[in-house]
Every structure is written in structure tokens, then in C-alpha cells.
Amino acid sequence: MRIVQVIDSLDLGGAEKMAVNYANALLTKIEFSGLVATRAEGNLKIELDEKVSYLFLNRKRIIDFGAVLRLKKYCKENNIDFIQAHGTSYFIAILVKFVYPKVKIVWHEHFGSRHTEDINKNTLLLFCSYFFKGIVVVNKSLEEWCKLNLRCNNIILLNNFTSNKIEDPCTILKGFEGKKIVCIANLKYPKNHSFLVEIANKIFKKYPDWSFHLIGKDFLDDYSNQLKAQIRDYNLNDSVFIYGSKNDVFHILKQSDIAILTSISEGLPVSVIEYGLMKKPVVLTKVGEIPFIVKDGIEGFLVDSNDIDLFYEKLINYIQEEDLRTQMGNALYQTIIDNHSEKVIIANYLNWILSL
């Protein structure tokens, strides 16, 4: 079997990371594994195994016929059976199918808020779904939405996965040792960093030595500017630190003591799997697939996305009880190993795709 992952960019993000993870994981399991970045390269390129076939299309427009023909040529030369199109890259994949009908399209959906949208806002996706051979989703809400609205019956729910890779440990977290709270999420809606800063402000008043560390791409836009202004307004510049995109995530997590996520919507965040692999105690908002991964009160704490007081209370529990942090971190680790290992997910994926 010969499969290529197609993704818009290789910036740090959940969908992008999963495209790289699939390309790397399939390398030793199938005849050919490739990855194509259509619009932009990024930090994740260095995580791609050197044996994975790689192409950068440098697509300039939504409809870029030159990019379509370059991708067609790549598929033809490498005798590709399946394009696994992540997120919005399904559109260029469908254009390639129009000029190279032999190739089959599998759409991999990661967008956690899709299930809240009306199909009338997704007419292009609806049209393209007639040409999908299969659909991979990352949570139950997306699975139900796709079954209800799209024109492809071969839908499978597959958990995201990751692996604890060897990294170049280059990031040093600021703040006091043993008192660091990390959040891995790009600075954008719907990650809800404003909620995080409100919590940090409450924590600072009682535990000023504890600090918050925000890891993820900074788009230097209005969202970012408002977040930084909020940090300044609360005089938290020495307590809330923004680092931007980083490739040494596991090295960063080794330096942290608690891990959080404050999103108002999610698919299946890879960061939660990374937290678990590093045995971090977590406080997470109760969105997307998170409640199906983490048992509240056993493997971490889950909080409604608008409940600042409860989120604060759960963080205080961790700050005051180191044994609780160890207990919760170990429990989450076991769940991730049992249900989100690369071996299990890839086996299920290959069994499914062979049936298409």
C-alpha cells in the first residue's frame, strides 16, 4: 500500500502533528509513506523521518493549478493509492482526483467545532464528500456530524497518538523550580488563553511563586495583542510567560509540574496525550473528546469551559498536594499507553483502510 499525507502547513498544531505522526508511523508498515505540505513549511518539518518521501507544493492560492499538477505528478510517479488529506487540504486532494482518478481520498478531520456548524456553511465540503473513499474523525461528535451531513459512509473514529521522541532540549522554562504550570496550545481562538490568565491572576494572589508557561505558535495578531495586554494589566509579566512554537515539547514537560488546557472547543488534542506520556497531572476543560480520554477525579480534573472558580480550585488541590499530582499523573499515563499508543491506532487504521 502506498499512502501520502497531505496537510496545508507544517506549523506546530494538532492536525499538522498528526500528519507527521502518520507519515512516520506508516514508514515501516506499508510499501510507501509520504507527506506533502501544500501551503507552508514550518517547525514540524524537522520531526519528519528522513526516510519519509517529502514534497512542498508552495501553493499560492486556493485554486492553484500549478500546485494541483505538481501533486498529480508526485502521485503518479510514486504510484500513490491513497491521499490522506488532513483538515482543509481535502480541497486540493479532490482537485487532484479530478485529473488523476486512480487515487483514492481519505479525509482526516480534526476541527473540534465542526459539529456545531450547519451544513449550509459547509457546502464545499458536502460536495467534496461525494468523492471521499473514507473519513477519519477524532471524536464522537465529529463522527455523528459526518454521518448525518456528508456523503461518505466509510467513517472511522481513531484516537490521536504520539510518541516520546528524542529531542534537542533547547527550551528552559523561567520561574521557580517545582512550581511551573504549562499549557501547550497555539495562541488562537478557541484555546481561550484569556481564561488562563484570569486563573493565573487568582493563583498569583495566593501562590506568587507559581508560574504559567504558554507553548504554541504566536500569530502576532489581535488575539495575541489582547492576551499580552491582559497579562500586563494584571502585572503578571513575571508569572505568565509566552514562548512561541517549540519542538522540544517533552523536554518542556519534564520541567513542568502541572499541565492544563483551557479551550472552549477541541477535537482530540495531541497535547493531552503528550501530558499523559509525561505523567503530568492535568486540569482540562470538558470539551471535545477530552471527557472520553480522562476520567474526572481519577486521571485528572475536568472543568466546564466557563468555570474559572472550579478550575482555580482544582489547581489549588494540585499545588497543595504533591502526592495527588503523582497519583493523577500515573493514572493518566496508563490510560494513554493503553488507548493511544501508535501500535494500536496504526493497526486499526490499516485494517480499516484495507477494507476500502
Protein backbone atom coordinates (compact mmCIF):
# COMPACT_ATOMS: atom_id res chain seq x y z
CA MET A 1 0.00 0.00 0.00
CA ARG A 2 1.23 3.49 -0.86
CA ILE A 3 -0.13 6.43 1.14
CA VAL A 4 0.71 10.12 1.23
CA GLN A 5 -0.36 12.55 3.96
CA VAL A 6 -1.41 15.98 2.70
CA ILE A 7 -1.51 18.97 5.05
CA ASP A 8 -1.67 22.73 4.47
CA SER A 9 1.39 23.56 6.57
CA LEU A 10 3.93 22.12 8.98
CA ASP A 11 3.43 24.78 11.63
CA LEU A 12 3.06 23.40 15.14
CA GLY A 13 -0.56 22.31 15.61
CA GLY A 14 -2.65 19.24 16.30
CA ALA A 15 -3.63 18.38 12.71
CA GLU A 16 -0.13 19.11 11.47
CA LYS A 17 1.45 16.95 14.14
CA MET A 18 -0.88 14.07 13.32
CA ALA A 19 0.01 14.26 9.62
CA VAL A 20 3.67 13.90 10.58
CA ASN A 21 2.89 11.15 13.09
CA TYR A 22 1.00 9.11 10.48
CA ALA A 23 3.73 9.55 7.87
CA ASN A 24 6.40 8.42 10.33
CA ALA A 25 4.37 5.56 11.79
CA LEU A 26 3.42 4.12 8.40
CA LEU A 27 7.01 4.16 7.14
CA THR A 28 7.76 0.62 8.30
CA LYS A 29 4.21 -0.71 7.90
CA ILE A 30 3.49 -0.10 4.20
CA GLU A 31 5.34 0.00 0.91
CA PHE A 32 5.47 3.79 0.61
CA SER A 33 4.82 6.63 3.06
CA GLY A 34 4.97 10.27 2.03
CA LEU A 35 3.97 13.72 3.20
CA VAL A 36 3.08 16.80 1.15
CA ALA A 37 2.84 20.29 2.66
CA THR A 38 0.74 22.38 0.31
CA ARG A 39 0.97 25.97 1.53
CA ALA A 40 3.80 26.45 4.04
CA GLU A 41 6.58 24.59 5.77
CA GLY A 42 7.24 25.01 9.49
CA ASN A 43 8.83 23.75 12.69
CA LEU A 44 7.36 20.28 12.38
CA LYS A 45 9.41 19.53 9.27
CA ILE A 46 12.37 18.51 11.42
CA GLU A 47 10.18 15.86 13.12
CA LEU A 48 9.55 14.10 9.80
CA ASP A 49 11.62 10.93 9.44
CA GLU A 50 14.27 11.42 6.76
CA LYS A 51 13.07 8.25 5.02
CA VAL A 52 9.56 9.65 4.51
CA SER A 53 9.09 10.97 0.96
CA TYR A 54 8.52 14.73 1.21
CA LEU A 55 7.22 17.40 -1.16
CA PHE A 56 6.47 21.08 -0.59
CA LEU A 57 3.97 22.42 -3.14
CA ASN A 58 4.25 26.13 -2.28
CA ARG A 59 0.57 26.65 -3.15
CA LYS A 60 -0.15 30.38 -3.55
CA ARG A 61 -3.94 30.45 -3.99
CA ILE A 62 -7.00 28.42 -3.04
CA ILE A 63 -7.16 27.18 -6.61
CA ASP A 64 -3.57 26.87 -7.80
CA PHE A 65 -3.48 24.72 -10.92
CA GLY A 66 0.30 24.54 -10.87
CA ALA A 67 0.22 23.07 -7.37
CA VAL A 68 -2.51 20.63 -8.39
CA LEU A 69 -0.44 19.40 -11.33
CA ARG A 70 2.68 19.08 -9.18
CA LEU A 71 0.76 16.95 -6.68
CA LYS A 72 -0.70 14.87 -9.52
CA LYS A 73 2.80 14.28 -10.87
CA TYR A 74 4.02 13.24 -7.42
CA CYS A 75 1.13 10.79 -7.00
CA LYS A 76 1.63 9.33 -10.47
CA GLU A 77 5.40 8.95 -10.16
CA ASN A 78 5.06 7.27 -6.76
CA ASN A 79 2.01 5.21 -7.75
CA ILE A 80 0.03 6.53 -4.74
CA ASP A 81 -3.04 4.52 -3.72
CA PHE A 82 -4.42 6.89 -1.06
CA ILE A 83 -4.16 10.59 -0.33
CA GLN A 84 -4.91 11.11 3.36
CA ALA A 85 -5.97 14.76 3.39
CA HIS A 86 -5.89 16.45 6.78
CA GLY A 87 -8.29 19.31 7.54
CA THR A 88 -8.89 21.80 4.74
CA SER A 89 -6.36 20.13 2.44
CA TYR A 90 -9.23 17.93 1.23
CA PHE A 91 -9.95 20.52 -1.48
CA ILE A 92 -6.63 20.22 -3.32
CA ALA A 93 -6.86 16.43 -2.90
CA ILE A 94 -10.21 16.43 -4.71
CA LEU A 95 -8.82 18.61 -7.49
CA VAL A 96 -6.03 16.07 -7.95
CA LYS A 97 -8.57 13.26 -8.12
CA PHE A 98 -10.35 15.08 -10.96
CA VAL A 99 -7.15 14.94 -13.05
CA TYR A 100 -5.86 11.62 -11.66
CA PRO A 101 -8.97 9.50 -10.93
CA LYS A 102 -6.94 6.46 -9.86
CA VAL A 103 -6.06 7.95 -6.48
CA LYS A 104 -8.42 7.44 -3.52
CA ILE A 105 -9.13 10.20 -0.99
CA VAL A 106 -9.37 9.70 2.76
CA TRP A 107 -10.32 12.83 4.67
CA HIS A 108 -8.92 13.18 8.19
CA GLU A 109 -10.98 15.69 10.18
CA HIS A 110 -9.50 17.39 13.27
CA PHE A 111 -11.64 20.52 13.66
CA GLY A 112 -13.36 20.16 17.03
CA SER A 113 -16.04 22.81 16.41
CA ARG A 114 -17.26 21.35 13.12
CA HIS A 115 -20.15 19.60 14.84
CA THR A 116 -21.60 22.99 15.84
CA GLU A 117 -21.80 24.18 12.24
CA ASP A 118 -24.73 23.94 9.87
CA ILE A 119 -24.14 22.02 6.65
CA ASN A 120 -25.13 25.15 4.74
CA LYS A 121 -21.83 26.66 5.89
CA ASN A 122 -20.00 23.60 4.57
CA THR A 123 -21.37 23.27 1.05
CA LEU A 124 -17.90 22.79 -0.48
CA LEU A 125 -17.14 20.03 2.00
CA LEU A 126 -20.51 18.42 1.27
CA PHE A 127 -19.76 18.41 -2.47
CA CYS A 128 -16.24 17.02 -1.98
CA SER A 129 -17.51 14.28 0.34
CA TYR A 130 -19.11 12.54 -2.67
CA PHE A 131 -15.54 11.75 -3.76
CA PHE A 132 -14.17 10.62 -0.37
CA LYS A 133 -13.39 6.92 -0.07
CA GLY A 134 -13.31 7.19 3.72
CA ILE A 135 -13.31 9.64 6.62
CA VAL A 136 -11.22 9.53 9.81
CA VAL A 137 -12.53 11.55 12.76
CA VAL A 138 -11.04 12.15 16.19
CA ASN A 139 -14.13 12.35 18.39
CA LYS A 140 -17.70 11.10 18.63
CA SER A 141 -19.33 14.48 17.91
CA LEU A 142 -17.47 14.74 14.61
CA GLU A 143 -18.37 11.15 13.79
CA GLU A 144 -22.08 11.87 14.31
CA TRP A 145 -21.90 15.12 12.32
CA CYS A 146 -20.18 13.45 9.37
CA LYS A 147 -22.66 10.56 9.33
CA LEU A 148 -25.56 12.99 9.36
CA ASN A 149 -24.30 15.55 6.86
CA LEU A 150 -21.72 14.10 4.48
CA ARG A 151 -21.99 11.66 1.56
CA CYS A 152 -19.45 9.07 2.64
CA ASN A 153 -20.41 6.06 4.72
CA ASN A 154 -16.94 4.72 5.49
CA ILE A 155 -16.26 6.65 8.69
CA ILE A 156 -13.94 5.56 11.48
CA LEU A 157 -13.13 7.15 14.83
CA LEU A 158 -9.43 6.85 15.57
CA ASN A 159 -7.73 8.29 18.61
CA ASN A 160 -4.81 10.63 18.07
CA PHE A 161 -1.45 9.24 19.13
CA THR A 162 2.07 10.43 19.67
CA SER A 163 5.40 9.05 20.77
CA ASN A 164 8.06 10.27 23.17
CA LYS A 165 10.70 11.23 20.63
CA ILE A 166 14.35 12.10 21.09
CA GLU A 167 14.56 15.90 21.03
CA ASP A 168 17.11 18.65 21.09
CA PRO A 169 16.45 20.07 24.60
CA CYS A 170 16.74 23.78 23.90
CA THR A 171 13.92 25.44 25.89
CA ILE A 172 14.47 26.43 29.51
CA LEU A 173 11.33 27.42 31.40
CA LYS A 174 11.51 30.52 33.57
CA GLY A 175 10.24 30.71 37.13
CA PHE A 176 10.83 28.71 40.30
CA GLU A 177 11.74 25.04 40.19
CA GLY A 178 8.86 22.75 41.15
CA LYS A 179 6.24 25.45 40.66
CA LYS A 180 5.55 25.53 36.92
CA ILE A 181 2.22 25.11 35.12
CA VAL A 182 2.36 24.54 31.36
CA CYS A 183 -0.23 24.94 28.60
CA ILE A 184 0.56 23.65 25.11
CA ALA A 185 -1.81 25.34 22.65
CA ASN A 186 -1.34 27.77 19.77
CA LEU A 187 -2.30 31.34 20.62
CA LYS A 188 -5.64 31.44 18.84
CA TYR A 189 -9.35 31.00 19.26
CA PRO A 190 -10.74 28.69 20.66
CA LYS A 191 -7.83 27.94 23.03
CA ASN A 192 -9.17 30.63 25.40
CA HIS A 193 -5.92 31.90 26.89
CA SER A 194 -7.80 34.84 28.42
CA PHE A 195 -9.45 32.31 30.75
CA LEU A 196 -5.98 31.00 31.61
CA VAL A 197 -4.73 34.50 32.52
CA GLU A 198 -7.75 35.07 34.77
CA ILE A 199 -6.86 31.86 36.61
CA ALA A 200 -3.19 32.86 36.77
CA ASN A 201 -4.19 36.14 38.37
CA LYS A 202 -6.12 34.29 41.09
CA ILE A 203 -3.25 31.86 41.67
CA PHE A 204 -0.72 34.68 41.89
CA LYS A 205 -2.58 36.32 44.78
CA LYS A 206 -2.24 33.18 46.92
CA TYR A 207 0.83 31.46 45.46
CA PRO A 208 3.01 34.15 43.82
CA ASP A 209 5.92 31.74 43.28
CA TRP A 210 3.90 29.58 40.84
CA SER A 211 4.16 30.47 37.15
CA PHE A 212 2.34 29.70 33.88
CA HIS A 213 4.14 28.78 30.66
CA LEU A 214 2.37 29.11 27.30
CA ILE A 215 3.81 26.99 24.49
CA GLY A 216 2.41 27.36 20.95
CA LYS A 217 2.59 29.47 17.84
CA ASP A 218 2.18 33.20 18.41
CA PHE A 219 0.44 34.64 15.34
CA LEU A 220 1.21 38.21 16.48
CA ASP A 221 -2.41 39.18 15.76
CA ASP A 222 -5.24 40.82 17.71
CA TYR A 223 -5.72 37.70 19.82
CA SER A 224 -2.05 37.76 20.79
CA ASN A 225 -2.02 41.51 21.43
CA GLN A 226 -5.10 41.33 23.66
CA LEU A 227 -3.61 38.44 25.60
CA LYS A 228 -0.34 40.27 26.22
CA ALA A 229 -2.23 43.41 27.25
CA GLN A 230 -4.24 41.35 29.74
CA ILE A 231 -1.01 39.93 31.20
CA ARG A 232 0.38 43.47 31.57
CA ASP A 233 -2.81 44.82 33.10
CA TYR A 234 -2.65 42.17 35.83
CA ASN A 235 1.10 42.75 36.34
CA LEU A 236 1.78 39.11 35.54
CA ASN A 237 4.82 39.58 33.29
CA ASP A 238 6.95 37.65 35.80
CA SER A 239 4.34 34.91 36.24
CA VAL A 240 2.89 34.22 32.77
CA PHE A 241 5.45 33.54 30.05
CA ILE A 242 4.88 33.16 26.30
CA TYR A 243 7.46 31.09 24.40
CA GLY A 244 6.02 30.66 20.90
CA SER A 245 6.43 27.47 18.86
CA LYS A 246 8.79 24.88 20.31
CA ASN A 247 9.91 21.47 19.10
CA ASP A 248 11.20 20.14 22.43
CA VAL A 249 7.76 19.57 23.96
CA PHE A 250 8.76 16.57 26.08
CA HIS A 251 11.79 18.42 27.42
CA ILE A 252 9.47 21.30 28.34
CA LEU A 253 7.05 18.93 30.08
CA LYS A 254 9.91 17.42 32.09
CA GLN A 255 10.44 20.88 33.58
CA SER A 256 6.76 21.39 34.44
CA ASP A 257 4.73 20.23 37.42
CA ILE A 258 1.12 20.64 36.24
CA ALA A 259 -0.35 20.72 32.71
CA ILE A 260 -3.55 22.48 31.69
CA LEU A 261 -5.79 23.20 28.72
CA THR A 262 -8.46 25.92 28.75
CA SER A 263 -10.09 25.50 25.32
CA ILE A 264 -13.77 26.14 24.67
CA SER A 265 -13.78 23.51 21.89
CA GLU A 266 -11.44 20.73 20.79
CA GLY A 267 -11.23 17.66 18.61
CA LEU A 268 -8.79 15.31 20.30
CA PRO A 269 -5.88 17.47 21.49
CA VAL A 270 -2.49 15.90 20.99
CA SER A 271 -1.23 17.96 23.92
CA VAL A 272 -3.34 15.91 26.35
CA ILE A 273 -1.71 12.73 25.04
CA GLU A 274 1.71 14.34 25.48
CA TYR A 275 0.79 15.36 29.02
CA GLY A 276 -0.16 11.77 29.78
CA LEU A 277 3.01 10.28 28.32
CA MET A 278 4.99 12.52 30.67
CA LYS A 279 2.82 11.60 33.68
CA LYS A 280 1.66 15.15 34.26
CA PRO A 281 -1.34 15.90 36.49
CA VAL A 282 -3.87 17.78 34.40
CA VAL A 283 -6.72 20.25 34.73
CA LEU A 284 -8.64 20.41 31.45
CA THR A 285 -11.83 21.92 30.13
CA LYS A 286 -14.60 19.42 29.49
CA VAL A 287 -14.73 19.75 25.68
CA GLY A 288 -14.38 17.60 22.57
CA GLU A 289 -13.01 14.12 23.15
CA ILE A 290 -11.31 15.06 26.44
CA PRO A 291 -14.05 13.56 28.70
CA PHE A 292 -13.66 10.28 26.81
CA ILE A 293 -9.90 10.24 27.44
CA VAL A 294 -9.65 11.49 31.03
CA LYS A 295 -11.79 10.18 33.89
CA ASP A 296 -12.59 13.16 36.11
CA GLY A 297 -11.15 12.81 39.59
CA ILE A 298 -9.17 9.69 38.66
CA GLU A 299 -6.85 10.62 35.77
CA GLY A 300 -7.13 14.38 36.11
CA PHE A 301 -9.67 17.12 36.74
CA LEU A 302 -12.27 18.22 34.17
CA VAL A 303 -13.98 21.60 34.39
CA ASP A 304 -16.64 23.39 32.34
CA SER A 305 -15.01 25.85 29.96
CA ASN A 306 -16.52 28.89 31.71
CA ASP A 307 -15.93 27.86 35.34
CA ILE A 308 -12.93 29.88 36.47
CA ASP A 309 -13.57 29.27 40.18
CA LEU A 310 -13.62 25.47 39.86
CA PHE A 311 -10.57 25.45 37.58
CA TYR A 312 -8.75 27.55 40.18
CA GLU A 313 -9.88 25.22 42.97
CA LYS A 314 -8.56 22.13 41.16
CA LEU A 315 -5.21 23.79 40.54
CA ILE A 316 -5.00 24.65 44.22
CA ASN A 317 -5.60 20.98 45.05
CA TYR A 318 -2.55 20.04 42.97
CA ILE A 319 -0.41 22.87 44.35
CA GLN A 320 -1.15 21.80 47.92
CA GLU A 321 -0.89 18.02 47.41
CA GLU A 322 2.20 16.71 45.64
CA ASP A 323 1.10 13.11 46.22
CA LEU A 324 -2.14 13.84 44.37
CA ARG A 325 -0.14 15.14 41.42
CA THR A 326 1.86 11.91 41.28
CA GLN A 327 -1.24 9.74 41.61
CA MET A 328 -3.18 11.52 38.86
CA GLY A 329 -0.18 11.69 36.54
CA ASN A 330 0.47 7.96 36.80
CA ALA A 331 -3.19 7.12 36.19
CA LEU A 332 -3.34 9.26 33.04
CA TYR A 333 -0.08 7.74 31.79
CA GLN A 334 -1.54 4.23 31.97
CA THR A 335 -4.67 5.29 30.08
CA ILE A 336 -2.62 6.88 27.30
CA ILE A 337 -0.40 3.81 26.99
CA ASP A 338 -3.43 1.52 26.83
CA ASN A 339 -5.58 3.53 24.41
CA HIS A 340 -3.41 5.99 22.49
CA SER A 341 -0.32 4.03 21.56
CA GLU A 342 0.95 4.25 18.00
CA LYS A 343 0.90 0.45 17.67
CA VAL A 344 -2.81 0.09 18.46
CA ILE A 345 -4.02 3.07 16.41
CA ILE A 346 -2.00 2.23 13.29
CA ALA A 347 -3.16 -1.40 13.38
CA ASN A 348 -6.80 -0.28 13.49
CA TYR A 349 -6.16 2.28 10.75
CA LEU A 350 -4.57 -0.25 8.39
CA ASN A 351 -7.32 -2.81 8.95
CA TRP A 352 -9.86 -0.13 8.06
CA ILE A 353 -8.11 1.29 5.01
CA LEU A 354 -7.54 -2.19 3.57
CA SER A 355 -11.32 -2.63 3.56
CA LEU A 356 -11.99 0.50 1.47
